[in-house]
């Protein structure tokens, strides 16, 4: 079982998820927009506690969970994970990512992804990092493409959602060969956003 390291960026810090993060998560987790395309629904403290226990238990099956913290306020904004980490074949997926909608478009998620990608490619020496999302989640698909990930295909009727509807999973990936260019573009993008932040 791989223990998650602390990953530090300019505006965010990824901290290994623990029970101590429950109050911070509780402050942001109950926005229905977060869970619209997720396989889990969190609506109250009890369901958030269940979600947390499930995330921590999943560490034994190759998941590496973090909370996303806004450094300037030391404030939890959401979470993200490595999924299905396979050190033999050097592959992983980044997923279970959610962020307070108030901070969408603020450069939080791109920097968190850069930290995870650096860790995956530069520290763990992986060959492939995958992403998947709900076929109706066009915002997520656009964000993944903007990172530089390549569309791979769609798993049709992949999951049954909590409301009984069928989800097709849209898959993307970044490979080791693509990583240097992806990293350069993403670093330049984040530098531009730090230099010229969006107006309020």
Protein backbone atom coordinates (compact mmCIF):
# COMPACT_ATOMS: atom_id res chain seq x y z
CA UNK A 1 0.00 0.00 0.00
CA UNK A 2 1.48 3.32 -1.14
CA UNK A 3 1.18 6.20 1.32
CA UNK A 4 0.25 9.51 -0.27
CA UNK A 5 2.92 12.20 0.05
CA UNK A 6 2.17 15.89 0.56
CA UNK A 7 2.30 17.62 -2.84
CA UNK A 8 2.88 21.37 -2.72
CA UNK A 9 2.11 23.90 -5.46
CA UNK A 10 1.91 27.68 -5.65
CA UNK A 11 -1.75 27.94 -4.63
CA UNK A 12 -2.78 24.46 -3.52
CA UNK A 13 -1.44 21.68 -1.35
CA UNK A 14 -2.52 18.07 -1.66
CA UNK A 15 -2.55 16.43 1.77
CA UNK A 16 -3.07 12.70 2.44
CA UNK A 17 -6.74 12.21 3.33
CA UNK A 18 -7.37 11.45 7.03
CA UNK A 19 -10.29 11.50 9.47
CA UNK A 20 -9.03 14.90 10.65
CA UNK A 21 -10.17 16.41 7.33
CA UNK A 22 -13.84 15.60 7.98
CA UNK A 23 -14.78 19.08 9.31
CA UNK A 24 -13.10 20.80 6.36
CA UNK A 25 -14.83 18.50 3.90
CA UNK A 26 -18.16 19.01 5.64
CA UNK A 27 -17.91 22.74 4.95
CA UNK A 28 -17.87 22.20 1.16
CA UNK A 29 -19.27 18.74 0.39
CA UNK A 30 -23.02 19.26 0.42
CA UNK A 31 -23.41 21.18 -2.83
CA UNK A 32 -25.55 18.95 -5.07
CA UNK A 33 -23.62 20.04 -8.16
CA UNK A 34 -20.55 18.16 -6.90
CA UNK A 35 -22.27 14.77 -6.98
CA UNK A 36 -24.37 15.05 -10.13
CA UNK A 37 -22.09 12.81 -12.21
CA UNK A 38 -20.55 10.79 -9.36
CA UNK A 39 -21.24 7.18 -8.40
CA UNK A 40 -21.79 8.30 -4.81
CA UNK A 41 -24.25 10.81 -3.40
CA UNK A 42 -23.21 12.81 -0.32
CA UNK A 43 -26.04 14.81 1.24
CA UNK A 44 -25.34 14.91 4.99
CA UNK A 45 -22.67 14.18 7.60
CA UNK A 46 -23.52 10.48 7.79
CA UNK A 47 -23.10 9.95 4.03
CA UNK A 48 -19.91 12.04 4.09
CA UNK A 49 -18.53 9.85 6.88
CA UNK A 50 -19.38 6.76 4.82
CA UNK A 51 -17.66 8.31 1.80
CA UNK A 52 -14.57 9.06 3.90
CA UNK A 53 -14.37 5.53 5.32
CA UNK A 54 -14.74 4.10 1.82
CA UNK A 55 -11.95 6.35 0.50
CA UNK A 56 -9.60 5.33 3.31
CA UNK A 57 -10.44 1.64 2.92
CA UNK A 58 -9.73 1.86 -0.82
CA UNK A 59 -6.07 2.59 -0.05
CA UNK A 60 -5.59 -1.17 0.35
CA UNK A 61 -6.69 -1.71 -3.27
CA UNK A 62 -4.34 0.71 -4.99
CA UNK A 63 -5.97 4.07 -4.38
CA UNK A 64 -4.07 7.11 -3.11
CA UNK A 65 -6.46 9.78 -1.75
CA UNK A 66 -5.72 13.45 -1.06
CA UNK A 67 -7.63 16.52 0.05
CA UNK A 68 -7.10 19.70 -1.97
CA UNK A 69 -6.20 22.62 0.29
CA UNK A 70 -6.13 26.32 -0.66
CA UNK A 71 -2.79 27.38 0.82
CA UNK A 72 -3.61 31.07 1.35
CA UNK A 73 -6.54 30.16 3.65
CA UNK A 74 -5.44 26.67 4.77
CA UNK A 75 -8.90 25.63 3.63
CA UNK A 76 -10.10 22.28 2.27
CA UNK A 77 -11.75 22.71 -1.13
CA UNK A 78 -12.27 19.10 -2.25
CA UNK A 79 -10.49 15.81 -2.89
CA UNK A 80 -8.76 13.78 -5.59
CA UNK A 81 -7.15 10.33 -5.87
CA UNK A 82 -4.93 8.02 -7.78
CA UNK A 83 -6.97 4.93 -8.72
CA UNK A 84 -5.89 1.44 -9.78
CA UNK A 85 -2.21 2.17 -9.28
CA UNK A 86 -0.30 -0.64 -11.03
CA UNK A 87 3.42 -0.33 -10.37
CA UNK A 88 4.20 -3.47 -12.37
CA UNK A 89 2.68 -2.12 -15.59
CA UNK A 90 3.31 1.49 -14.55
CA UNK A 91 -0.21 2.79 -15.03
CA UNK A 92 -2.69 4.74 -12.93
CA UNK A 93 -5.92 6.71 -13.20
CA UNK A 94 -6.60 10.12 -11.64
CA UNK A 95 -10.19 10.33 -10.46
CA UNK A 96 -12.73 10.69 -7.67
CA UNK A 97 -11.94 14.39 -8.06
CA UNK A 98 -14.38 16.94 -6.73
CA UNK A 99 -14.00 20.59 -5.88
CA UNK A 100 -16.27 23.22 -4.36
CA UNK A 101 -18.04 24.79 -7.38
CA UNK A 102 -17.17 28.20 -5.97
CA UNK A 103 -13.55 27.54 -6.96
CA UNK A 104 -14.11 26.21 -10.47
CA UNK A 105 -12.12 28.20 -12.99
CA UNK A 106 -9.72 29.55 -10.36
CA UNK A 107 -6.70 27.45 -11.37
CA UNK A 108 -7.14 25.08 -8.41
CA UNK A 109 -7.87 21.90 -10.35
CA UNK A 110 -5.20 22.39 -13.06
CA UNK A 111 -2.51 22.88 -10.42
CA UNK A 112 -3.72 19.86 -8.46
CA UNK A 113 -3.58 17.80 -11.66
CA UNK A 114 -0.06 19.07 -12.41
CA UNK A 115 1.07 17.99 -8.93
CA UNK A 116 -0.44 14.53 -9.42
CA UNK A 117 0.99 14.15 -12.91
CA UNK A 118 4.47 15.16 -11.74
CA UNK A 119 4.22 12.63 -8.95
CA UNK A 120 2.99 9.89 -11.31
CA UNK A 121 5.52 10.43 -14.10
CA UNK A 122 8.54 11.95 -12.36
CA UNK A 123 8.43 10.24 -8.95
CA UNK A 124 6.73 6.91 -9.63
CA UNK A 125 8.07 6.54 -13.18
CA UNK A 126 4.71 5.60 -14.66
CA UNK A 127 4.06 5.15 -18.38
CA UNK A 128 0.37 6.13 -18.51
CA UNK A 129 -2.09 8.25 -16.55
CA UNK A 130 -5.77 7.84 -17.39
CA UNK A 131 -8.91 9.87 -16.72
CA UNK A 132 -12.55 8.90 -17.18
CA UNK A 133 -15.76 10.86 -16.82
CA UNK A 134 -19.52 10.69 -17.32
CA UNK A 135 -20.60 11.06 -20.94
CA UNK A 136 -22.86 13.99 -20.01
CA UNK A 137 -20.18 15.82 -18.02
CA UNK A 138 -19.01 18.06 -20.84
CA UNK A 139 -17.29 20.48 -18.44
CA UNK A 140 -15.10 17.67 -17.12
CA UNK A 141 -14.32 16.42 -20.62
CA UNK A 142 -13.29 19.91 -21.73
CA UNK A 143 -11.08 20.34 -18.65
CA UNK A 144 -9.36 16.99 -19.25
CA UNK A 145 -8.73 17.84 -22.91
CA UNK A 146 -7.35 21.23 -21.83
CA UNK A 147 -4.80 19.43 -19.65
CA UNK A 148 -3.48 17.81 -22.83
CA UNK A 149 -4.99 14.35 -22.38
CA UNK A 150 -5.94 12.37 -25.48
CA UNK A 151 -9.41 10.88 -25.98
CA UNK A 152 -9.21 7.08 -26.11
CA UNK A 153 -12.79 5.90 -26.40
CA UNK A 154 -16.06 5.38 -24.56
CA UNK A 155 -17.13 2.43 -22.42
CA UNK A 156 -20.85 2.19 -23.21
CA UNK A 157 -23.29 1.27 -20.41
CA UNK A 158 -20.32 1.21 -18.05
CA UNK A 159 -22.07 2.02 -14.76
CA UNK A 160 -25.52 2.20 -13.25
CA UNK A 161 -25.84 5.57 -11.54
CA UNK A 162 -27.47 6.02 -8.11
CA UNK A 163 -30.67 7.22 -9.84
CA UNK A 164 -30.78 4.10 -12.03
CA UNK A 165 -29.63 5.80 -15.24
CA UNK A 166 -26.84 4.33 -17.36
CA UNK A 167 -23.47 6.03 -17.57
CA UNK A 168 -21.09 5.72 -20.50
CA UNK A 169 -17.51 6.44 -19.38
CA UNK A 170 -15.41 8.68 -21.63
CA UNK A 171 -11.70 7.80 -21.34
CA UNK A 172 -8.60 9.95 -21.84
CA UNK A 173 -4.92 9.44 -21.11
CA UNK A 174 -1.49 11.02 -21.05
CA UNK A 175 1.51 8.82 -21.83
CA UNK A 176 5.12 9.15 -20.76
CA UNK A 177 6.09 10.23 -24.29
CA UNK A 178 3.53 13.05 -24.18
CA UNK A 179 4.31 14.14 -20.64
CA UNK A 180 7.16 16.64 -21.31
CA UNK A 181 5.02 18.67 -23.70
CA UNK A 182 1.94 18.39 -21.49
CA UNK A 183 3.98 19.52 -18.47
CA UNK A 184 5.45 22.52 -20.29
CA UNK A 185 2.06 23.69 -21.56
CA UNK A 186 0.40 23.20 -18.19
CA UNK A 187 3.16 25.02 -16.32
CA UNK A 188 2.95 27.93 -18.79
CA UNK A 189 -0.84 28.03 -18.43
CA UNK A 190 -0.66 28.15 -14.64
CA UNK A 191 2.02 30.83 -14.72
CA UNK A 192 -0.20 32.92 -16.99
CA UNK A 193 -3.17 32.46 -14.66
CA UNK A 194 -1.08 33.47 -11.63
CA UNK A 195 0.21 36.54 -13.44
CA UNK A 196 -3.17 37.54 -14.86
CA UNK A 197 -5.87 36.11 -12.54
CA UNK A 198 -9.47 36.29 -13.78
CA UNK A 199 -11.39 39.36 -12.64
CA UNK A 200 -14.00 38.90 -9.94
